[in-house]
Amino acid sequence: MANATTHSRNSAPALAGIEVPQPPLLARAQGWLLWVVLAALLVWSWGPAEMHKAGGLITDWRNMAEFGAAFLKPNFYEWQAYVSEMVETVQMAIWGTALAVFLGVPFAIVSSANVCPQWVVQPTRRLMDAFRAINEIIFALLFVVAVGLGPIAGVLALAVHNIGIVAKLFSEAVEAIDPRPVEGIRATGGTRLQEVIFGIIPQVMPLWSSFTLYRFETNVRSATVLGIVGAGGIGQSLYECIRSFQYAETAAIVIIVVLTVILIDIMSAVLRRALV
């Protein structure tokens, strides 16, 4: 025992003297360059973003308090109408999400660099970029002209915008799969479609399910404002109340929206745990 103790004491200085390998100078320089570029971007954006006015949050907080006091007494006199419109908003989000996933899956497969050649991937990705870049309200305005006022315009607006988002998220999951099951199917003479169905989709289905639930939560929030342009849901009532300075009614609508989103978030969390 004494010899073992003496040996461990003698070996400690030797271990302490081992030099830890340092990253190459080029790698360290790239890391510092990244931070310098980030700092430069923040400085460059300071003036145009009017960040110098952020001090108003401290100096003019009384103005915000006076304005916020008008929302402290919500008026739930028409709560049944508000709840009915909120249910319609959720229904819009359900259909918008379903259509986006149904149509987004093929675009996700085609957008994956490990599935399709670049001459197919790049144009598809640019199209999906356009879908993501255009806001739902712009799409809602277009569809209101095409199909008229009502929830269907909101559903289509949510669907088209979210096709781009779903394709992006789903394709990233596809590109991160283990290639060995796909190679095994290919080695046994499987077709490209069989590779996708049996080699890719089983691997990405848990992530796809999680992304779908997340997009549904987001679409419920997005659908609440589509009524501003006549695309159905609770957005129209919210817009009218704000425009007519009916802050008590506005507060009631906001509370209903928040409670709905909280309930959906809880249900989504339960579903995600069940799917994992």
Protein backbone atom coordinates (compact mmCIF):
# COMPACT_ATOMS: atom_id res chain seq x y z
CA MET A 1 0.00 0.00 0.00
CA ALA A 2 2.86 2.35 0.86
CA ASN A 3 4.55 1.63 -2.46
CA ALA A 4 1.34 2.37 -4.35
CA THR A 5 0.94 5.65 -2.50
CA THR A 6 4.53 6.62 -3.18
CA HIS A 7 4.15 5.73 -6.87
CA SER A 8 0.98 7.85 -7.24
CA ARG A 9 2.72 10.81 -5.60
CA ASN A 10 5.71 10.48 -7.88
CA SER A 11 3.56 10.21 -11.01
CA ALA A 12 1.45 13.29 -10.17
CA PRO A 13 4.11 15.84 -11.18
CA ALA A 14 4.72 13.89 -14.37
CA LEU A 15 1.01 14.04 -15.28
CA ALA A 16 0.85 17.68 -14.34
CA GLY A 17 3.71 18.41 -16.70
CA ILE A 18 1.93 17.02 -19.76
CA GLU A 19 1.12 19.84 -22.17
CA VAL A 20 -2.48 20.08 -23.34
CA PRO A 21 -2.52 20.38 -27.15
CA GLN A 22 -3.66 23.78 -28.35
CA PRO A 23 -5.94 24.27 -31.37
CA PRO A 24 -4.11 25.35 -34.52
CA LEU A 25 -3.49 29.06 -34.89
CA LEU A 26 -5.75 29.22 -37.96
CA ALA A 27 -8.66 27.67 -36.06
CA ARG A 28 -8.23 30.12 -33.18
CA ALA A 29 -8.00 33.03 -35.62
CA GLN A 30 -11.25 31.96 -37.29
CA GLY A 31 -12.98 31.85 -33.92
CA TRP A 32 -11.83 35.34 -33.00
CA LEU A 33 -12.73 36.60 -36.48
CA LEU A 34 -16.27 35.34 -36.01
CA TRP A 35 -16.65 37.32 -32.79
CA VAL A 36 -15.16 40.43 -34.41
CA VAL A 37 -17.60 40.17 -37.33
CA LEU A 38 -20.52 39.72 -34.93
CA ALA A 39 -19.46 42.79 -32.92
CA ALA A 40 -19.04 44.79 -36.13
CA LEU A 41 -22.55 43.84 -37.26
CA LEU A 42 -24.01 44.97 -33.94
CA VAL A 43 -22.19 48.30 -34.13
CA TRP A 44 -23.22 48.76 -37.76
CA SER A 45 -26.88 48.13 -36.89
CA TRP A 46 -26.94 50.33 -33.76
CA GLY A 47 -27.97 53.59 -35.44
CA PRO A 48 -30.47 52.29 -38.04
CA ALA A 49 -32.14 50.14 -35.38
CA GLU A 50 -32.40 53.23 -33.11
CA MET A 51 -31.00 51.31 -30.18
CA HIS A 52 -30.09 54.65 -28.57
CA LYS A 53 -33.80 55.09 -27.82
CA ALA A 54 -33.92 51.97 -25.66
CA GLY A 55 -33.34 54.20 -22.62
CA GLY A 56 -36.94 55.35 -22.99
CA LEU A 57 -38.01 52.09 -21.38
CA ILE A 58 -36.55 53.47 -18.15
CA THR A 59 -37.19 57.23 -18.47
CA ASP A 60 -40.76 56.94 -19.82
CA TRP A 61 -42.01 53.93 -17.95
CA ARG A 62 -44.87 55.96 -16.49
CA ASN A 63 -46.34 56.39 -19.97
CA MET A 64 -46.34 52.64 -20.44
CA ALA A 65 -47.92 52.18 -17.01
CA GLU A 66 -50.74 54.60 -17.81
CA PHE A 67 -51.41 52.91 -21.13
CA GLY A 68 -51.25 49.43 -19.58
CA ALA A 69 -53.68 50.41 -16.83
CA ALA A 70 -56.46 50.50 -19.44
CA PHE A 71 -56.00 46.73 -19.92
CA LEU A 72 -56.33 45.85 -16.22
CA LYS A 73 -60.13 45.62 -16.34
CA PRO A 74 -60.98 43.18 -19.13
CA ASN A 75 -64.57 43.12 -20.32
CA PHE A 76 -65.83 39.57 -20.93
CA TYR A 77 -69.38 40.65 -21.77
CA GLU A 78 -69.14 39.09 -25.24
CA TRP A 79 -66.93 36.19 -24.21
CA GLN A 80 -69.05 33.61 -26.04
CA ALA A 81 -68.48 35.37 -29.36
CA TYR A 82 -64.77 35.68 -28.61
CA VAL A 83 -64.46 31.99 -27.72
CA SER A 84 -66.32 31.01 -30.89
CA GLU A 85 -63.95 33.11 -32.99
CA MET A 86 -60.96 31.64 -31.14
CA VAL A 87 -62.19 28.13 -31.93
CA GLU A 88 -62.43 29.16 -35.58
CA THR A 89 -58.86 30.43 -35.37
CA VAL A 90 -57.66 27.07 -34.01
CA GLN A 91 -59.53 25.27 -36.77
CA MET A 92 -57.79 27.48 -39.33
CA ALA A 93 -54.43 26.59 -37.78
CA ILE A 94 -55.26 22.86 -37.86
CA TRP A 95 -56.07 22.88 -41.56
CA GLY A 96 -53.24 25.25 -42.43
CA THR A 97 -50.73 23.01 -40.66
CA ALA A 98 -52.16 19.83 -42.16
CA LEU A 99 -51.96 21.17 -45.70
CA ALA A 100 -48.47 22.53 -45.11
CA VAL A 101 -47.19 19.16 -43.88
CA PHE A 102 -48.96 17.19 -46.61
CA LEU A 103 -47.54 19.39 -49.37
CA GLY A 104 -44.27 20.16 -47.60
CA VAL A 105 -43.05 16.57 -47.27
CA PRO A 106 -42.40 16.11 -51.02
CA PHE A 107 -40.64 19.48 -51.15
CA ALA A 108 -38.56 18.46 -48.12
CA ILE A 109 -37.42 15.27 -49.83
CA VAL A 110 -36.60 17.12 -53.04
CA SER A 111 -34.73 19.80 -51.03
CA SER A 112 -32.44 17.26 -49.35
CA ALA A 113 -28.92 17.20 -50.75
CA ASN A 114 -28.43 13.54 -49.79
CA VAL A 115 -31.49 12.46 -51.79
CA CYS A 116 -31.62 14.58 -54.95
CA PRO A 117 -28.98 16.17 -57.20
CA GLN A 118 -28.06 19.82 -56.79
CA TRP A 119 -29.78 20.91 -60.00
CA VAL A 120 -33.05 19.83 -58.36
CA VAL A 121 -32.22 20.82 -54.77
CA GLN A 122 -31.18 24.43 -55.38
CA PRO A 123 -34.25 25.63 -57.35
CA THR A 124 -36.56 23.93 -54.86
CA ARG A 125 -34.80 25.56 -51.92
CA ARG A 126 -35.08 28.99 -53.54
CA LEU A 127 -38.81 28.46 -54.03
CA MET A 128 -39.14 27.48 -50.37
CA ASP A 129 -37.14 30.59 -49.42
CA ALA A 130 -39.73 32.69 -51.25
CA PHE A 131 -42.60 30.99 -49.39
CA ARG A 132 -40.90 31.68 -46.05
CA ALA A 133 -39.96 35.25 -46.91
CA ILE A 134 -43.51 36.35 -47.75
CA ASN A 135 -45.59 36.95 -44.64
CA GLU A 136 -48.90 35.21 -44.06
CA ILE A 137 -50.77 38.52 -44.23
CA ILE A 138 -49.52 39.10 -47.80
CA PHE A 139 -50.68 35.65 -48.81
CA ALA A 140 -53.99 36.27 -47.01
CA LEU A 141 -54.54 39.43 -49.04
CA LEU A 142 -53.95 37.48 -52.24
CA PHE A 143 -56.30 34.68 -51.28
CA VAL A 144 -59.02 37.06 -50.07
CA VAL A 145 -59.09 38.45 -53.60
CA ALA A 146 -59.25 34.92 -55.03
CA VAL A 147 -61.69 33.10 -52.71
CA GLY A 148 -63.33 35.98 -50.86
CA LEU A 149 -63.47 36.93 -47.20
CA GLY A 150 -63.48 34.19 -44.60
CA PRO A 151 -61.42 31.48 -42.93
CA ILE A 152 -60.49 29.67 -46.17
CA ALA A 153 -58.25 32.58 -47.15
CA GLY A 154 -56.49 32.31 -43.80
CA VAL A 155 -56.09 28.55 -44.14
CA LEU A 156 -54.49 28.89 -47.57
CA ALA A 157 -52.23 31.72 -46.39
CA LEU A 158 -50.99 29.66 -43.44
CA ALA A 159 -50.51 26.61 -45.64
CA VAL A 160 -48.42 28.31 -48.34
CA HIS A 161 -46.19 30.18 -45.89
CA ASN A 162 -45.65 27.08 -43.78
CA ILE A 163 -44.82 24.86 -46.75
CA GLY A 164 -41.53 26.74 -46.96
CA ILE A 165 -40.89 26.39 -43.23
CA VAL A 166 -41.87 22.72 -43.08
CA ALA A 167 -39.74 21.88 -46.12
CA LYS A 168 -36.74 23.60 -44.52
CA LEU A 169 -37.07 21.86 -41.15
CA PHE A 170 -37.93 18.46 -42.60
CA SER A 171 -35.11 18.53 -45.17
CA GLU A 172 -32.55 19.32 -42.46
CA ALA A 173 -33.76 16.27 -40.56
CA VAL A 174 -33.44 14.15 -43.71
CA GLU A 175 -29.88 15.35 -44.31
CA ALA A 176 -28.91 14.30 -40.76
CA ILE A 177 -30.06 10.67 -41.04
CA ASP A 178 -27.89 7.59 -40.75
CA PRO A 179 -27.14 6.62 -44.38
CA ARG A 180 -26.58 2.94 -43.64
CA PRO A 181 -30.26 1.81 -43.74
CA VAL A 182 -30.69 3.62 -47.06
CA GLU A 183 -27.53 1.99 -48.46
CA GLY A 184 -28.79 -1.40 -47.31
CA ILE A 185 -32.08 -0.95 -49.17
CA ARG A 186 -30.20 0.22 -52.25
CA ALA A 187 -27.86 -2.80 -52.07
CA THR A 188 -30.83 -5.19 -52.07
CA GLY A 189 -32.17 -3.64 -55.27
CA GLY A 190 -34.69 -1.26 -53.74
CA THR A 191 -36.03 1.65 -55.75
CA ARG A 192 -35.51 5.30 -54.84
CA LEU A 193 -39.08 5.50 -53.55
CA GLN A 194 -38.49 2.46 -51.31
CA GLU A 195 -35.33 4.09 -49.98
CA VAL A 196 -37.37 7.13 -48.96
CA ILE A 197 -40.31 5.20 -47.49
CA PHE A 198 -38.41 2.50 -45.63
CA GLY A 199 -34.97 4.03 -45.09
CA ILE A 200 -35.54 7.74 -44.52
CA ILE A 201 -39.05 8.36 -43.19
CA PRO A 202 -38.81 5.93 -40.21
CA GLN A 203 -35.67 7.75 -39.03
CA VAL A 204 -37.08 11.27 -39.29
CA MET A 205 -40.67 10.62 -38.20
CA PRO A 206 -40.11 11.56 -34.50
CA LEU A 207 -38.47 14.86 -35.49
CA TRP A 208 -41.10 15.54 -38.14
CA SER A 209 -43.86 14.98 -35.57
CA SER A 210 -42.22 17.36 -33.12
CA PHE A 211 -41.75 20.01 -35.81
CA THR A 212 -45.39 19.65 -36.87
CA LEU A 213 -46.67 20.23 -33.35
CA TYR A 214 -44.41 23.23 -32.98
CA ARG A 215 -45.63 24.73 -36.24
CA PHE A 216 -49.23 24.17 -35.16
CA GLU A 217 -48.60 26.17 -31.99
CA THR A 218 -47.04 28.93 -34.06
CA ASN A 219 -49.89 28.89 -36.58
CA VAL A 220 -52.46 29.43 -33.84
CA ARG A 221 -50.66 32.63 -32.90
CA SER A 222 -50.25 33.65 -36.54
CA ALA A 223 -53.90 32.98 -37.34
CA THR A 224 -55.02 35.43 -34.66
CA VAL A 225 -53.92 38.39 -36.78
CA LEU A 226 -55.07 37.20 -40.22
CA GLY A 227 -58.56 38.47 -39.46
CA ILE A 228 -57.16 41.99 -39.85
CA VAL A 229 -57.35 41.52 -43.62
CA GLY A 230 -60.64 39.63 -43.51
CA ALA A 231 -59.21 36.11 -43.40
CA GLY A 232 -61.39 34.90 -40.53
CA GLY A 233 -60.71 34.08 -36.92
CA ILE A 234 -60.51 36.28 -33.88
CA GLY A 235 -58.18 38.77 -35.54
CA GLN A 236 -61.03 40.87 -36.92
CA SER A 237 -62.53 41.45 -33.47
CA LEU A 238 -59.10 42.14 -32.02
CA TYR A 239 -58.36 44.70 -34.73
CA GLU A 240 -61.73 46.43 -34.34
CA CYS A 241 -61.34 46.69 -30.58
CA ILE A 242 -57.85 48.16 -30.83
CA ARG A 243 -58.86 50.58 -33.57
CA SER A 244 -61.85 51.84 -31.55
CA PHE A 245 -59.79 52.15 -28.31
CA GLN A 246 -61.87 49.49 -26.54
CA TYR A 247 -59.01 48.37 -24.35
CA ALA A 248 -61.16 46.40 -21.90
CA GLU A 249 -62.51 44.25 -24.74
CA THR A 250 -59.01 44.01 -26.23
CA ALA A 251 -57.69 42.71 -22.92
CA ALA A 252 -60.43 40.06 -22.82
CA ILE A 253 -59.52 38.85 -26.32
CA VAL A 254 -55.81 38.79 -25.49
CA ILE A 255 -56.48 36.75 -22.35
CA ILE A 256 -58.52 34.22 -24.35
CA VAL A 257 -55.74 33.95 -26.93
CA VAL A 258 -53.08 33.47 -24.25
CA LEU A 259 -55.11 30.80 -22.44
CA THR A 260 -55.69 28.99 -25.73
CA VAL A 261 -52.00 29.02 -26.60
CA ILE A 262 -51.09 27.77 -23.10
CA LEU A 263 -53.59 24.92 -23.41
CA ILE A 264 -52.27 23.96 -26.84
CA ASP A 265 -48.69 24.10 -25.56
CA ILE A 266 -49.52 21.72 -22.70
CA MET A 267 -51.29 19.31 -25.05
CA SER A 268 -48.42 19.47 -27.54
CA ALA A 269 -45.88 18.70 -24.82
CA VAL A 270 -47.87 15.60 -23.81
CA LEU A 271 -48.08 14.46 -27.44
CA ARG A 272 -44.36 15.02 -28.01
CA ARG A 273 -43.48 12.89 -25.00
CA ALA A 274 -45.79 10.18 -26.28
CA LEU A 275 -44.19 10.23 -29.73
CA VAL A 276 -40.59 10.04 -28.51
